[in-house]
Structure formats: structure tokens, C-alpha cells
Amino acid sequence: MGESTQVVPLDAAVSSEVPMLADETLLVPPRPPLAKWPFVVAGVLLALGALVAFTWNINVPYFALSPGPVNDASDYVSVPEDVAVGGEDGDLFFLTVSLKEINAMEYLAALIDQQVDLSPRENIRPAGVTSEQLREQNIQAMDSSKTNATYVALTHLGYDVTFEGTGALVSSVIEESAAIGLLEEGDLIIQVNGEPVEFSADASELIGGKTPGETIDITVLRPQDDGSTEELTVAVTLKPFRFVDEDGNVEEQPDRGMVGILLIDGPADIKFPVDVLIDAQNIGGPSAGLMFTLEIINQLTDDDITKGHRIAGTGTINADGEVGAIGGVRQKVFAAIKIGAEYVLVPAGDFEDAHDAAGEDIEVVSVATIDEALAFLDSLPAA
């Protein structure tokens, strides 16, 4: 018989198994290369984080001025119910600025924020003045502002007020100034070159306009350890006025004399016929004086002086009813716009900066006295 042939079914010759190499290693497709961009992004984020951490701890010699809270003056001012006659359909707002010493990161952020301004530290807190002293000075300035506002409002309305200042109080002495060794914190200035001083504005006016090298006689009452005071006169030879420019450099004005002290009003002897209460809470500085004055007048007047409008404003007030310049007017205008005020009253000396900040968003009104502010309000139509 011939050789037999083995028949293999066709389906048995086809296998679905994965082909094997001689050493039985599976044939696996090669893995695609990993993308590089996640590692690049992670590296950039880590670098940015390190930069933020580094710059956050670097202090720079600047203050940042930014828009602060807007306050309804009626929430801070009150008069006794038996004399309060006014109603208020509109609003009188006083404006504030947030002031902060900043680090390098905050400095960079402020450079690109149009609503934030930078001011060299020396222009806000002179050398030798601590943060606590600056805070105390602002609180005392607010106290003087409240007193002036009450006096101006009541005298405008015809009340008989007795108001006598006791002098200008030295709140701090600037380092390396003409006053070092001659004047001390706590001295009460009662005369400059023999002219009487009732308020800090009197002392500033008598000293202002003098040139470096001139000598002025300043008479003070100096507190003693036993509670008494000693009167003495010191001769101060003025030095050139020093300030810090935008680049942080100390500059001098050779034609402008400087004593080198910070002043506030001393305790005043005042007798008010109406018990006006102004609770400033934790707000410092003198710039609410104008709006406090208007609010007191409004509460003691039959007609609503706002005529239903939303009026914001800022400005110091002195005993003569004059409205003085303030700091941070641009930030205050931005804050007034944000709360939807129709008008913002500003001191005449700050009008240009305020007008530039306002654009077309709010009407800026320049006022130099309380009478000008009241005349403007009187000219408004009813809302």
C-alpha cells in the first residue's frame, strides 16, 4: 500500500492566537512619546509661585492709595430729637481712601491698576513717625474735624457758639529737621513770633512763606512730670523743605522753609447750644469735615438740602468755613462713581485731579467754602 496522507481540516489550520516569537515574547505596538507641554506648564507655575513667595516678603518704601468705603453721613451724625426738624430724601456721602504699606508684588499690581496710586512712604509717614503715631494723628485730626464741622454748622444756622482754640499741638517731630532738640511731641504752640495761635492752621499760616535760614520764635506750653506746664520760647532756624519724589529720592525745595513738625489742634474750649453727636467709629483723618457740616445743617433745617439727590463729597473744614484740600481725591472720585452718586463735591485745590478721574461718569463740583457748597445744593432741581 502506498503512503497514507493525513487530512487536516481547513478550520484547524487557522489559529486566532497572537503570533509568538521564538522565545514566545508577545509582539506589543510601541508606546507613543509623552507630551512635553504639561511639564512646561508645571515648570512655569512653579517659577511663578516661587516669584510670588519671594516678592511677597520684600517691602518697598511706598504706600498704595485705593478707593475706600463710602459712608452715608446720616449714619454717623445725630442731633437731639427735640431739635431735629429736617428730613432727607437724598443722600450725603463722605468718601475715604484705603492706605496700605505694600510689598513688591503689591507694588507691581498697583502699577497696572488705574484706580490705585503710589506715594513714597516719606510723604505719608515721615521718618521717625511710627504707624501707631500716624494712626493717633489721624484720629486726632478726625476729632478736630468733628468739632469744626459742628461749630460751622451751628453758627451758619444762627446758634450762639463759644469756640476758642488753645493752640497747635505737636503730634510728632520729624527726624533731622530744624525742630530736633528744640520742640517735643506734646508741646502746645501758643505763639509764633509773638502772634497768638489758637489752632494748627494759625501756626501753619504764620510759619508758611518763610525761607530756609530764617529764624522764628515759637512759644510753647510743655507738659511736666507733675502734671503742670512750663511756658518757654525757642528760636528755630528753618531748614529747606524736604520731600520724596516719585522715584523715592529725597529732594529739597531751597526756597521753602520747614520746621519739621506735625501739628493738630489742641484741646478747644467750646460750648455748643445743641448736643451734636458725630460717631466716626474707626475712621481717621480730617477730610469728612465738609460732609459732616452739611449733614448737621440738613438735620437742623426744615428743607432737605439734597433735594432728593445722591451727593458725595470730601474736604476738610476749618472754623471759618473754608474747605481745604485732601489726599487721594482720585480714589474718592472712583468710589463715588461706584456707588452711583450724581455729584461729588471737592475742594477747589483738588478739582483738576478730581475732574480727570471723573471723566463723563460723574459731575465734579469745586467748592472753597461751606457757603459755596450750600449754594450749589440750593441750585439743584428737585430729583
Protein backbone atom coordinates (compact mmCIF):
# COMPACT_ATOMS: atom_id res chain seq x y z
CA MET A 1 0.00 0.00 0.00
CA GLY A 2 1.27 3.50 -0.67
CA GLU A 3 1.99 6.12 1.95
CA SER A 4 -1.13 7.48 3.63
CA THR A 5 -1.87 11.13 3.57
CA GLN A 6 -3.24 12.80 6.73
CA VAL A 7 -6.05 15.14 6.02
CA VAL A 8 -6.22 18.25 8.25
CA PRO A 9 -9.49 20.15 8.35
CA LEU A 10 -9.18 23.64 6.94
CA ASP A 11 -10.57 25.29 10.08
CA ALA A 12 -7.99 23.56 12.21
CA ALA A 13 -5.18 25.19 10.22
CA VAL A 14 -6.35 28.71 11.08
CA SER A 15 -5.49 29.97 14.56
CA SER A 16 -6.73 33.16 16.27
CA GLU A 17 -3.86 33.14 18.74
CA VAL A 18 -1.44 36.11 18.83
CA PRO A 19 1.71 35.22 16.87
CA MET A 20 4.65 34.34 19.08
CA LEU A 21 8.33 34.88 18.58
CA ALA A 22 10.72 32.02 19.03
CA ASP A 23 11.13 32.95 22.70
CA GLU A 24 7.37 33.32 22.99
CA THR A 25 7.50 37.15 23.60
CA LEU A 26 4.29 38.99 22.68
CA LEU A 27 4.51 41.46 19.83
CA VAL A 28 3.31 44.79 21.50
CA PRO A 29 2.97 48.05 19.49
CA PRO A 30 5.50 50.74 20.59
CA ARG A 31 4.18 53.35 23.17
CA PRO A 32 3.87 56.92 21.78
CA PRO A 33 6.23 59.54 23.36
CA LEU A 34 4.83 61.56 26.31
CA ALA A 35 3.69 65.15 25.58
CA LYS A 36 6.07 67.81 26.91
CA TRP A 37 3.63 70.73 27.40
CA PRO A 38 2.28 69.63 30.83
CA PHE A 39 5.82 69.67 32.18
CA VAL A 40 6.43 73.12 30.69
CA VAL A 41 3.21 74.48 32.24
CA ALA A 42 4.06 72.94 35.60
CA GLY A 43 7.53 74.48 35.47
CA VAL A 44 6.14 77.92 34.67
CA LEU A 45 3.60 77.68 37.52
CA LEU A 46 6.30 76.62 39.96
CA ALA A 47 8.50 79.53 38.84
CA LEU A 48 5.62 81.98 39.24
CA GLY A 49 4.82 80.58 42.67
CA ALA A 50 8.44 80.97 43.73
CA LEU A 51 8.46 84.55 42.39
CA VAL A 52 5.29 85.43 44.31
CA ALA A 53 6.64 83.88 47.51
CA PHE A 54 9.90 85.76 47.10
CA THR A 55 8.42 89.19 46.28
CA TRP A 56 5.66 88.90 48.90
CA ASN A 57 8.22 89.26 51.67
CA ILE A 58 10.00 92.23 50.10
CA ASN A 59 8.69 95.53 51.45
CA VAL A 60 9.02 98.63 49.29
CA PRO A 61 9.07 102.25 50.52
CA TYR A 62 5.64 103.10 49.15
CA PHE A 63 2.02 103.39 50.23
CA ALA A 64 -0.78 102.31 47.91
CA LEU A 65 -3.84 104.57 47.81
CA SER A 66 -7.01 102.82 46.68
CA PRO A 67 -10.74 103.67 46.84
CA GLY A 68 -12.07 103.19 50.36
CA PRO A 69 -15.56 102.63 51.77
CA VAL A 70 -18.29 105.17 51.04
CA ASN A 71 -20.28 106.20 54.11
CA ASP A 72 -23.72 107.75 54.50
CA ALA A 73 -23.16 110.76 56.76
CA SER A 74 -26.58 110.33 58.36
CA ASP A 75 -25.37 107.05 59.88
CA TYR A 76 -22.63 108.92 61.74
CA VAL A 77 -24.28 112.23 62.69
CA SER A 78 -27.21 112.68 65.03
CA VAL A 79 -28.88 115.61 66.81
CA PRO A 80 -31.42 115.52 69.67
CA GLU A 81 -34.95 114.64 68.57
CA ASP A 82 -36.38 117.81 70.06
CA VAL A 83 -34.36 119.97 67.66
CA ALA A 84 -34.14 117.68 64.62
CA VAL A 85 -36.50 119.06 62.01
CA GLY A 86 -35.01 118.00 58.69
CA GLY A 87 -35.89 115.04 56.54
CA GLU A 88 -33.63 113.55 53.92
CA ASP A 89 -34.94 112.15 50.64
CA GLY A 90 -31.49 112.05 49.09
CA ASP A 91 -28.08 111.13 50.49
CA LEU A 92 -24.94 112.85 51.69
CA PHE A 93 -21.93 110.54 51.45
CA PHE A 94 -18.43 111.12 52.75
CA LEU A 95 -15.59 109.36 50.97
CA THR A 96 -12.49 107.61 52.24
CA VAL A 97 -9.20 106.25 50.94
CA SER A 98 -7.63 102.92 51.84
CA LEU A 99 -3.96 103.45 52.69
CA LYS A 100 -1.60 100.49 52.86
CA GLU A 101 2.15 99.96 53.09
CA ILE A 102 2.91 97.41 50.39
CA ASN A 103 5.31 94.68 49.32
CA ALA A 104 6.96 94.23 45.93
CA MET A 105 4.14 92.11 44.48
CA GLU A 106 1.51 94.66 45.52
CA TYR A 107 3.69 97.40 44.06
CA LEU A 108 3.69 95.65 40.67
CA ALA A 109 -0.08 95.15 40.85
CA ALA A 110 -0.61 98.84 41.66
CA LEU A 111 1.35 99.90 38.60
CA ILE A 112 -1.28 98.38 36.31
CA ASP A 113 -4.36 99.37 38.33
CA GLN A 114 -5.64 102.76 37.17
CA GLN A 115 -7.58 103.27 40.39
CA VAL A 116 -4.54 102.84 42.64
CA ASP A 117 -1.86 105.49 43.16
CA LEU A 118 1.56 105.03 44.74
CA SER A 119 3.04 107.53 47.16
CA PRO A 120 6.54 107.41 48.67
CA ARG A 121 6.39 106.33 52.31
CA GLU A 122 8.07 109.54 53.49
CA ASN A 123 5.18 111.59 52.10
CA ILE A 124 2.64 109.66 54.18
CA ARG A 125 4.63 108.60 57.22
CA PRO A 126 7.80 110.71 57.63
CA ALA A 127 10.95 109.14 59.03
CA GLY A 128 10.75 108.77 62.79
CA VAL A 129 6.94 108.55 62.80
CA THR A 130 5.63 105.11 63.69
CA SER A 131 2.47 103.56 62.27
CA GLU A 132 0.83 103.94 65.67
CA GLN A 133 1.74 107.62 65.81
CA LEU A 134 0.34 108.13 62.33
CA ARG A 135 -2.86 106.37 63.37
CA GLU A 136 -3.14 108.52 66.50
CA GLN A 137 -2.57 111.67 64.47
CA ASN A 138 -5.38 110.71 62.07
CA ILE A 139 -7.76 110.02 64.96
CA GLN A 140 -6.96 113.41 66.49
CA ALA A 141 -7.41 115.06 63.12
CA MET A 142 -10.87 113.48 62.91
CA ASP A 143 -11.72 114.83 66.36
CA SER A 144 -10.75 118.35 65.27
CA SER A 145 -12.77 117.89 62.09
CA LYS A 146 -15.89 116.94 64.05
CA THR A 147 -15.51 119.97 66.29
CA ASN A 148 -15.04 122.33 63.34
CA ALA A 149 -17.99 120.82 61.48
CA THR A 150 -20.28 121.28 64.47
CA TYR A 151 -19.12 124.85 65.02
CA VAL A 152 -19.51 125.87 61.36
CA ALA A 153 -22.93 124.23 61.01
CA LEU A 154 -24.39 125.75 64.16
CA THR A 155 -23.01 129.24 63.55
CA HIS A 156 -24.34 129.12 59.98
CA LEU A 157 -27.78 128.35 61.37
CA GLY A 158 -27.58 131.29 63.79
CA TYR A 159 -26.80 129.46 67.03
CA ASP A 160 -24.60 131.23 69.57
CA VAL A 161 -21.46 129.14 69.97
CA THR A 162 -18.45 129.87 72.13
CA PHE A 163 -15.36 128.44 70.43
CA GLU A 164 -11.81 129.23 71.46
CA GLY A 165 -8.75 127.24 70.48
CA THR A 166 -5.93 126.64 72.94
CA GLY A 167 -3.09 126.25 70.44
CA ALA A 168 -1.45 123.87 67.97
CA LEU A 169 -0.32 120.56 69.43
CA VAL A 170 2.94 118.99 68.21
CA SER A 171 1.99 115.37 67.43
CA SER A 172 5.47 114.35 66.23
CA VAL A 173 8.87 115.76 65.30
CA ILE A 174 10.46 114.71 62.01
CA GLU A 175 13.97 113.25 62.12
CA GLU A 176 16.86 115.53 61.05
CA SER A 177 14.54 118.55 60.97
CA ALA A 178 15.08 122.03 62.36
CA ALA A 179 12.86 121.18 65.34
CA ILE A 180 15.05 118.35 66.67
CA GLY A 181 16.25 119.19 70.16
CA LEU A 182 14.04 122.27 70.35
CA LEU A 183 10.44 121.09 70.13
CA GLU A 184 8.96 117.91 71.56
CA GLU A 185 5.92 115.76 70.99
CA GLY A 186 3.18 117.09 73.26
CA ASP A 187 4.31 120.75 73.10
CA LEU A 188 1.36 123.11 72.68
CA ILE A 189 2.30 126.04 70.43
CA ILE A 190 0.58 129.21 71.63
CA GLN A 191 2.60 131.86 69.72
CA VAL A 192 4.74 132.20 66.59
CA ASN A 193 6.89 135.34 66.51
CA GLY A 194 4.66 136.82 69.19
CA GLU A 195 1.44 136.25 67.22
CA PRO A 196 -1.21 134.19 69.05
CA VAL A 197 -2.01 130.67 67.87
CA GLU A 198 -5.44 129.15 68.56
CA PHE A 199 -5.46 126.33 66.02
CA SER A 200 -2.97 124.32 63.95
CA ALA A 201 -3.99 126.30 60.87
CA ASP A 202 -2.86 129.51 62.61
CA ALA A 203 0.60 128.07 63.25
CA SER A 204 0.90 126.77 59.68
CA GLU A 205 -0.06 130.17 58.28
CA LEU A 206 2.43 132.04 60.49
CA ILE A 207 5.26 129.63 59.62
CA GLY A 208 4.39 129.28 55.94
CA GLY A 209 6.12 131.51 53.42
CA LYS A 210 9.38 131.65 55.36
CA THR A 211 12.66 130.71 53.66
CA PRO A 212 15.48 128.41 54.84
CA GLY A 213 17.86 130.19 57.18
CA GLU A 214 15.17 132.39 58.72
CA THR A 215 14.77 132.09 62.47
CA ILE A 216 11.35 132.17 64.10
CA ASP A 217 10.42 132.27 67.77
CA ILE A 218 7.95 129.58 68.81
CA THR A 219 6.35 129.78 72.25
CA VAL A 220 5.01 126.55 73.70
CA LEU A 221 3.46 125.11 76.81
CA ARG A 222 5.43 121.95 77.66
CA PRO A 223 3.87 119.29 79.95
CA GLN A 224 5.85 118.46 83.08
CA ASP A 225 6.03 115.20 85.00
CA ASP A 226 3.98 116.63 87.89
CA GLY A 227 1.07 117.50 85.58
CA SER A 228 1.88 121.19 85.27
CA THR A 229 3.05 123.01 82.14
CA GLU A 230 6.09 125.19 81.52
CA GLU A 231 5.98 128.10 79.09
CA LEU A 232 9.13 128.56 77.02
CA THR A 233 10.17 130.18 73.76
CA VAL A 234 12.60 128.51 71.37
CA ALA A 235 14.32 130.01 68.35
CA VAL A 236 14.07 127.67 65.34
CA THR A 237 16.19 128.26 62.24
CA LEU A 238 14.33 126.82 59.28
CA LYS A 239 15.82 124.15 57.02
CA PRO A 240 14.90 123.57 53.35
CA PHE A 241 11.64 121.72 52.81
CA ARG A 242 12.35 118.04 52.12
CA PHE A 243 10.10 115.65 50.22
CA VAL A 244 10.31 112.34 48.39
CA ASP A 245 9.80 112.29 44.63
CA GLU A 246 8.06 109.58 42.58
CA ASP A 247 11.30 107.61 42.29
CA GLY A 248 11.82 107.51 46.04
CA ASN A 249 14.61 110.12 46.05
CA VAL A 250 14.75 112.73 48.81
CA GLU A 251 14.57 116.19 47.26
CA GLU A 252 14.73 119.68 48.73
CA GLN A 253 12.99 122.93 47.86
CA PRO A 254 15.71 125.51 48.58
CA ASP A 255 13.29 128.46 48.69
CA ARG A 256 10.77 126.89 51.08
CA GLY A 257 11.45 126.76 54.81
CA MET A 258 10.49 123.84 57.06
CA VAL A 259 10.32 123.44 60.84
CA GLY A 260 9.73 119.68 60.66
CA ILE A 261 6.77 119.03 62.95
CA LEU A 262 3.30 117.55 62.53
CA LEU A 263 0.52 119.61 64.09
CA ILE A 264 -3.05 119.06 65.19
CA ASP A 265 -5.46 121.35 67.02
CA GLY A 266 -5.03 121.46 70.76
CA PRO A 267 -7.99 120.98 73.10
CA ALA A 268 -10.59 123.62 72.37
CA ASP A 269 -12.80 125.43 74.85
CA ILE A 270 -16.20 125.09 73.19
CA LYS A 271 -19.76 125.44 74.40
CA PHE A 272 -22.31 124.18 71.88
CA PRO A 273 -26.00 125.01 72.41
CA VAL A 274 -27.01 121.81 70.57
CA ASP A 275 -25.65 118.42 71.57
CA VAL A 276 -24.48 117.16 68.17
CA LEU A 277 -23.05 113.63 68.19
CA ILE A 278 -20.65 112.52 65.46
CA ASP A 279 -19.56 108.91 65.88
CA ALA A 280 -16.63 108.47 63.49
CA GLN A 281 -16.11 104.88 64.64
CA ASN A 282 -12.66 103.80 63.43
CA ILE A 283 -12.29 106.37 60.63
CA GLY A 284 -9.41 108.83 60.90
CA GLY A 285 -8.31 111.99 59.14
CA PRO A 286 -9.94 115.39 58.65
CA SER A 287 -11.42 115.02 55.15
CA ALA A 288 -15.01 114.27 56.21
CA GLY A 289 -15.41 117.75 57.69
CA LEU A 290 -17.31 119.23 54.74
CA MET A 291 -19.88 116.44 54.58
CA PHE A 292 -20.35 116.31 58.36
CA THR A 293 -21.10 120.04 58.27
CA LEU A 294 -23.69 119.60 55.52
CA GLU A 295 -25.31 116.68 57.34
CA ILE A 296 -25.68 118.65 60.59
CA ILE A 297 -27.24 121.56 58.69
CA ASN A 298 -29.59 119.17 56.90
CA GLN A 299 -30.83 117.62 60.14
CA LEU A 300 -31.47 121.04 61.67
CA THR A 301 -33.13 122.58 58.58
CA ASP A 302 -36.77 122.24 57.53
CA ASP A 303 -35.97 121.65 53.86
CA ASP A 304 -33.92 118.74 52.55
CA ILE A 305 -30.76 120.37 51.18
CA THR A 306 -30.07 117.31 48.98
CA LYS A 307 -33.41 117.78 47.14
CA GLY A 308 -33.51 114.02 46.72
CA HIS A 309 -30.12 113.70 45.01
CA ARG A 310 -27.21 111.39 45.85
CA ILE A 311 -24.38 113.77 46.80
CA ALA A 312 -20.88 112.58 47.65
CA GLY A 313 -18.07 114.82 48.82
CA THR A 314 -14.77 115.31 50.56
CA GLY A 315 -12.81 118.18 52.07
CA THR A 316 -11.56 119.48 55.38
CA ILE A 317 -13.40 122.29 57.16
CA ASN A 318 -11.90 124.93 59.40
CA ALA A 319 -13.58 127.20 61.90
CA ASP A 320 -14.03 129.89 59.24
CA GLY A 321 -15.99 127.51 57.00
CA GLU A 322 -13.20 127.16 54.45
CA VAL A 323 -12.91 123.85 52.61
CA GLY A 324 -9.34 122.56 52.49
CA ALA A 325 -7.51 120.19 50.14
CA ILE A 326 -7.27 116.49 50.90
CA GLY A 327 -5.29 113.46 49.77
CA GLY A 328 -6.41 110.67 47.47
CA VAL A 329 -9.04 112.69 45.60
CA ARG A 330 -8.84 110.42 42.53
CA GLN A 331 -9.60 107.33 44.60
CA LYS A 332 -12.50 109.12 46.27
CA VAL A 333 -13.98 110.05 42.90
CA PHE A 334 -13.75 106.43 41.76
CA ALA A 335 -15.56 105.37 44.94
CA ALA A 336 -18.31 107.97 44.39
CA ILE A 337 -18.85 106.70 40.85
CA LYS A 338 -19.09 103.11 42.07
CA ILE A 339 -21.96 103.85 44.48
CA GLY A 340 -23.88 105.82 41.86
CA ALA A 341 -23.55 109.33 43.23
CA GLU A 342 -24.72 112.06 40.86
CA TYR A 343 -22.37 114.77 42.09
CA VAL A 344 -19.11 114.85 44.03
CA LEU A 345 -18.08 117.97 45.95
CA VAL A 346 -14.32 118.50 46.13
CA PRO A 347 -12.01 121.26 47.43
CA ALA A 348 -11.10 123.84 44.81
CA GLY A 349 -7.44 122.87 45.08
CA ASP A 350 -8.22 119.27 44.13
CA PHE A 351 -10.65 120.00 41.30
CA GLU A 352 -8.30 119.30 38.39
CA ASP A 353 -7.26 115.84 39.60
CA ALA A 354 -10.84 115.00 40.51
CA HIS A 355 -12.14 116.12 37.11
CA ASP A 356 -9.55 113.99 35.29
CA ALA A 357 -10.56 110.92 37.29
CA ALA A 358 -14.30 111.51 36.81
CA GLY A 359 -14.40 111.56 33.02
CA GLU A 360 -18.04 111.54 31.98
CA ASP A 361 -19.19 109.31 34.85
CA ILE A 362 -19.97 111.94 37.49
CA GLU A 363 -20.20 115.72 37.80
CA VAL A 364 -17.40 117.23 39.88
CA VAL A 365 -18.21 120.42 41.81
CA SER A 366 -15.45 122.68 43.12
CA VAL A 367 -16.16 124.31 46.49
CA ALA A 368 -13.91 126.61 48.51
CA THR A 369 -16.29 127.35 51.41
CA ILE A 370 -19.34 125.86 53.07
CA ASP A 371 -21.39 128.70 51.59
CA GLU A 372 -20.37 127.67 48.06
CA ALA A 373 -21.36 124.07 48.79
CA LEU A 374 -24.77 125.15 50.09
CA ALA A 375 -25.28 127.50 47.13
CA PHE A 376 -24.66 124.63 44.72
CA LEU A 377 -27.12 122.36 46.52
CA ASP A 378 -29.68 125.14 46.54
CA SER A 379 -29.33 125.46 42.75
CA LEU A 380 -30.27 121.84 42.10
CA PRO A 381 -33.73 120.98 40.82
CA ALA A 382 -35.76 118.52 42.82
CA ALA A 383 -34.83 114.94 41.93
